[in-house]
Amino acid sequence: MTPLDHLYETLIQTAAAEAERRVLERIQLQSIVPDRTLSLKEAAEYVHISESALRQLCKEKRIPHRINGSDGSKNPRYLFSSLRLDRWMREEEEKNYQQR
């Protein structure tokens, strides 16, 4: 097998594995877990971090959320989708663990 053939095979395997992961994730989430809207406090408990750490992630736009309230509010109300938080946690875990 030439190096180019090996590269193509690796790219195809990687793309297929990623597609399979996304399909399985969608099937699992759609069939088992209903989506819930969580408050900041509930979301912090859900992802096992402090409310202040979660608020900081929101300010840095590093976690999926939406803001309920007017633009520039000094006390915005952050809301979270439980399904999006599940996906975010899986993505964070994958960043920390790379299979070889």
C-alpha atoms as a PDB file:
ATOM      1  CA  MET A   1       0.000   0.000   0.000  1.00  0.00           C
ATOM      2  CA  THR A   2       1.406   3.352  -0.993  1.00  0.00           C
ATOM      3  CA  PRO A   3       1.526   6.258   1.458  1.00  0.00           C
ATOM      4  CA  LEU A   4      -1.173   7.994  -0.574  1.00  0.00           C
ATOM      5  CA  ASP A   5      -3.428   4.918  -0.405  1.00  0.00           C
ATOM      6  CA  HIS A   6      -2.853   4.769   3.341  1.00  0.00           C
ATOM      7  CA  LEU A   7      -3.790   8.452   3.667  1.00  0.00           C
ATOM      8  CA  TYR A   8      -7.011   7.935   1.680  1.00  0.00           C
ATOM      9  CA  GLU A   9      -7.934   4.910   3.768  1.00  0.00           C
ATOM     10  CA  THR A  10      -7.320   6.818   6.994  1.00  0.00           C
ATOM     11  CA  LEU A  11      -9.404   9.782   5.819  1.00  0.00           C
ATOM     12  CA  ILE A  12     -12.280   7.516   4.776  1.00  0.00           C
ATOM     13  CA  GLN A  13     -12.210   5.630   8.079  1.00  0.00           C
ATOM     14  CA  THR A  14     -12.175   8.871  10.059  1.00  0.00           C
ATOM     15  CA  ALA A  15     -15.068  10.361   8.082  1.00  0.00           C
ATOM     16  CA  ALA A  16     -17.107   7.155   8.370  1.00  0.00           C
ATOM     17  CA  ALA A  17     -16.527   6.935  12.127  1.00  0.00           C
ATOM     18  CA  GLU A  18     -17.574  10.567  12.607  1.00  0.00           C
ATOM     19  CA  ALA A  19     -20.716  10.097  10.502  1.00  0.00           C
ATOM     20  CA  GLU A  20     -21.621   6.955  12.430  1.00  0.00           C
ATOM     21  CA  ARG A  21     -21.112   8.752  15.751  1.00  0.00           C
ATOM     22  CA  ARG A  22     -23.405  11.614  14.691  1.00  0.00           C
ATOM     23  CA  VAL A  23     -26.142   9.282  13.428  1.00  0.00           C
ATOM     24  CA  LEU A  24     -26.057   7.177  16.585  1.00  0.00           C
ATOM     25  CA  GLU A  25     -26.131  10.312  18.735  1.00  0.00           C
ATOM     26  CA  ARG A  26     -29.207  11.617  16.929  1.00  0.00           C
ATOM     27  CA  ILE A  27     -31.003   8.285  17.188  1.00  0.00           C
ATOM     28  CA  GLN A  28     -30.192   7.958  20.866  1.00  0.00           C
ATOM     29  CA  LEU A  29     -31.209  11.495  21.759  1.00  0.00           C
ATOM     30  CA  GLN A  30     -34.422  11.450  19.767  1.00  0.00           C
ATOM     31  CA  SER A  31     -35.637   8.115  21.062  1.00  0.00           C
ATOM     32  CA  ILE A  32     -34.678   8.212  24.717  1.00  0.00           C
ATOM     33  CA  VAL A  33     -34.203  11.626  26.255  1.00  0.00           C
ATOM     34  CA  PRO A  34     -36.693  14.483  25.994  1.00  0.00           C
ATOM     35  CA  ASP A  35     -35.216  17.970  25.786  1.00  0.00           C
ATOM     36  CA  ARG A  36     -35.644  20.136  28.879  1.00  0.00           C
ATOM     37  CA  THR A  37     -34.991  23.834  29.347  1.00  0.00           C
ATOM     38  CA  LEU A  38     -32.783  24.392  32.380  1.00  0.00           C
ATOM     39  CA  SER A  39     -32.092  27.489  34.452  1.00  0.00           C
ATOM     40  CA  LEU A  40     -28.528  28.498  35.306  1.00  0.00           C
ATOM     41  CA  LYS A  41     -28.762  26.737  38.671  1.00  0.00           C
ATOM     42  CA  GLU A  42     -30.222  23.560  37.155  1.00  0.00           C
ATOM     43  CA  ALA A  43     -27.662  23.541  34.333  1.00  0.00           C
ATOM     44  CA  ALA A  44     -24.771  23.990  36.774  1.00  0.00           C
ATOM     45  CA  GLU A  45     -25.986  20.973  38.735  1.00  0.00           C
ATOM     46  CA  TYR A  46     -26.535  19.059  35.484  1.00  0.00           C
ATOM     47  CA  VAL A  47     -22.943  19.536  34.279  1.00  0.00           C
ATOM     48  CA  HIS A  48     -21.462  19.390  37.811  1.00  0.00           C
ATOM     49  CA  ILE A  49     -19.838  22.818  37.953  1.00  0.00           C
ATOM     50  CA  SER A  50     -20.480  25.937  40.006  1.00  0.00           C
ATOM     51  CA  GLU A  51     -22.928  28.580  38.872  1.00  0.00           C
ATOM     52  CA  SER A  52     -20.135  31.148  38.616  1.00  0.00           C
ATOM     53  CA  ALA A  53     -18.049  28.812  36.425  1.00  0.00           C
ATOM     54  CA  LEU A  54     -21.062  28.202  34.179  1.00  0.00           C
ATOM     55  CA  ARG A  55     -21.782  31.934  33.964  1.00  0.00           C
ATOM     56  CA  GLN A  56     -18.154  32.503  32.927  1.00  0.00           C
ATOM     57  CA  LEU A  57     -18.424  29.833  30.197  1.00  0.00           C
ATOM     58  CA  CYS A  58     -21.526  31.650  28.924  1.00  0.00           C
ATOM     59  CA  LYS A  59     -19.746  35.005  28.862  1.00  0.00           C
ATOM     60  CA  GLU A  60     -16.872  33.388  26.937  1.00  0.00           C
ATOM     61  CA  LYS A  61     -19.391  31.717  24.570  1.00  0.00           C
ATOM     62  CA  ARG A  62     -17.863  28.309  25.294  1.00  0.00           C
ATOM     63  CA  ILE A  63     -21.096  26.513  26.182  1.00  0.00           C
ATOM     64  CA  PRO A  64     -24.438  26.431  24.314  1.00  0.00           C
ATOM     65  CA  HIS A  65     -27.021  28.698  25.927  1.00  0.00           C
ATOM     66  CA  ARG A  66     -29.542  31.393  25.207  1.00  0.00           C
ATOM     67  CA  ILE A  67     -30.187  34.623  27.046  1.00  0.00           C
ATOM     68  CA  ASN A  68     -33.656  35.644  28.127  1.00  0.00           C
ATOM     69  CA  GLY A  69     -33.849  39.376  28.704  1.00  0.00           C
ATOM     70  CA  SER A  70     -32.981  42.631  27.041  1.00  0.00           C
ATOM     71  CA  ASP A  71     -29.620  43.316  25.417  1.00  0.00           C
ATOM     72  CA  GLY A  72     -27.104  44.774  27.820  1.00  0.00           C
ATOM     73  CA  SER A  73     -29.037  43.677  30.879  1.00  0.00           C
ATOM     74  CA  LYS A  74     -26.938  43.646  34.043  1.00  0.00           C
ATOM     75  CA  ASN A  75     -28.743  40.524  35.199  1.00  0.00           C
ATOM     76  CA  PRO A  76     -29.394  38.324  32.137  1.00  0.00           C
ATOM     77  CA  ARG A  77     -31.274  35.060  32.570  1.00  0.00           C
ATOM     78  CA  TYR A  78     -29.344  32.193  31.005  1.00  0.00           C
ATOM     79  CA  LEU A  79     -31.315  29.199  29.723  1.00  0.00           C
ATOM     80  CA  PHE A  80     -29.937  25.858  28.556  1.00  0.00           C
ATOM     81  CA  SER A  81     -31.139  22.869  26.531  1.00  0.00           C
ATOM     82  CA  SER A  82     -30.431  19.569  28.279  1.00  0.00           C
ATOM     83  CA  LEU A  83     -29.767  17.880  24.914  1.00  0.00           C
ATOM     84  CA  ARG A  84     -27.289  20.570  23.871  1.00  0.00           C
ATOM     85  CA  LEU A  85     -25.526  20.263  27.248  1.00  0.00           C
ATOM     86  CA  ASP A  86     -25.289  16.489  26.767  1.00  0.00           C
ATOM     87  CA  ARG A  87     -23.685  17.025  23.370  1.00  0.00           C
ATOM     88  CA  TRP A  88     -21.342  19.707  24.770  1.00  0.00           C
ATOM     89  CA  MET A  89     -20.177  17.367  27.557  1.00  0.00           C
ATOM     90  CA  ARG A  90     -19.467  14.592  25.039  1.00  0.00           C
ATOM     91  CA  GLU A  91     -17.509  17.005  22.830  1.00  0.00           C
ATOM     92  CA  GLU A  92     -15.497  18.239  25.820  1.00  0.00           C
ATOM     93  CA  GLU A  93     -14.728  14.650  26.780  1.00  0.00           C
ATOM     94  CA  GLU A  94     -13.594  13.866  23.232  1.00  0.00           C
ATOM     95  CA  LYS A  95     -11.264  16.890  23.277  1.00  0.00           C
ATOM     96  CA  ASN A  96      -9.618  15.461  26.387  1.00  0.00           C
ATOM     97  CA  TYR A  97      -9.353  11.931  25.059  1.00  0.00           C
ATOM     98  CA  GLN A  98      -7.992  11.187  21.617  1.00  0.00           C
ATOM     99  CA  GLN A  99      -7.996   7.551  20.514  1.00  0.00           C
ATOM    100  CA  ARG A 100      -4.926   6.378  18.656  1.00  0.00           C
END
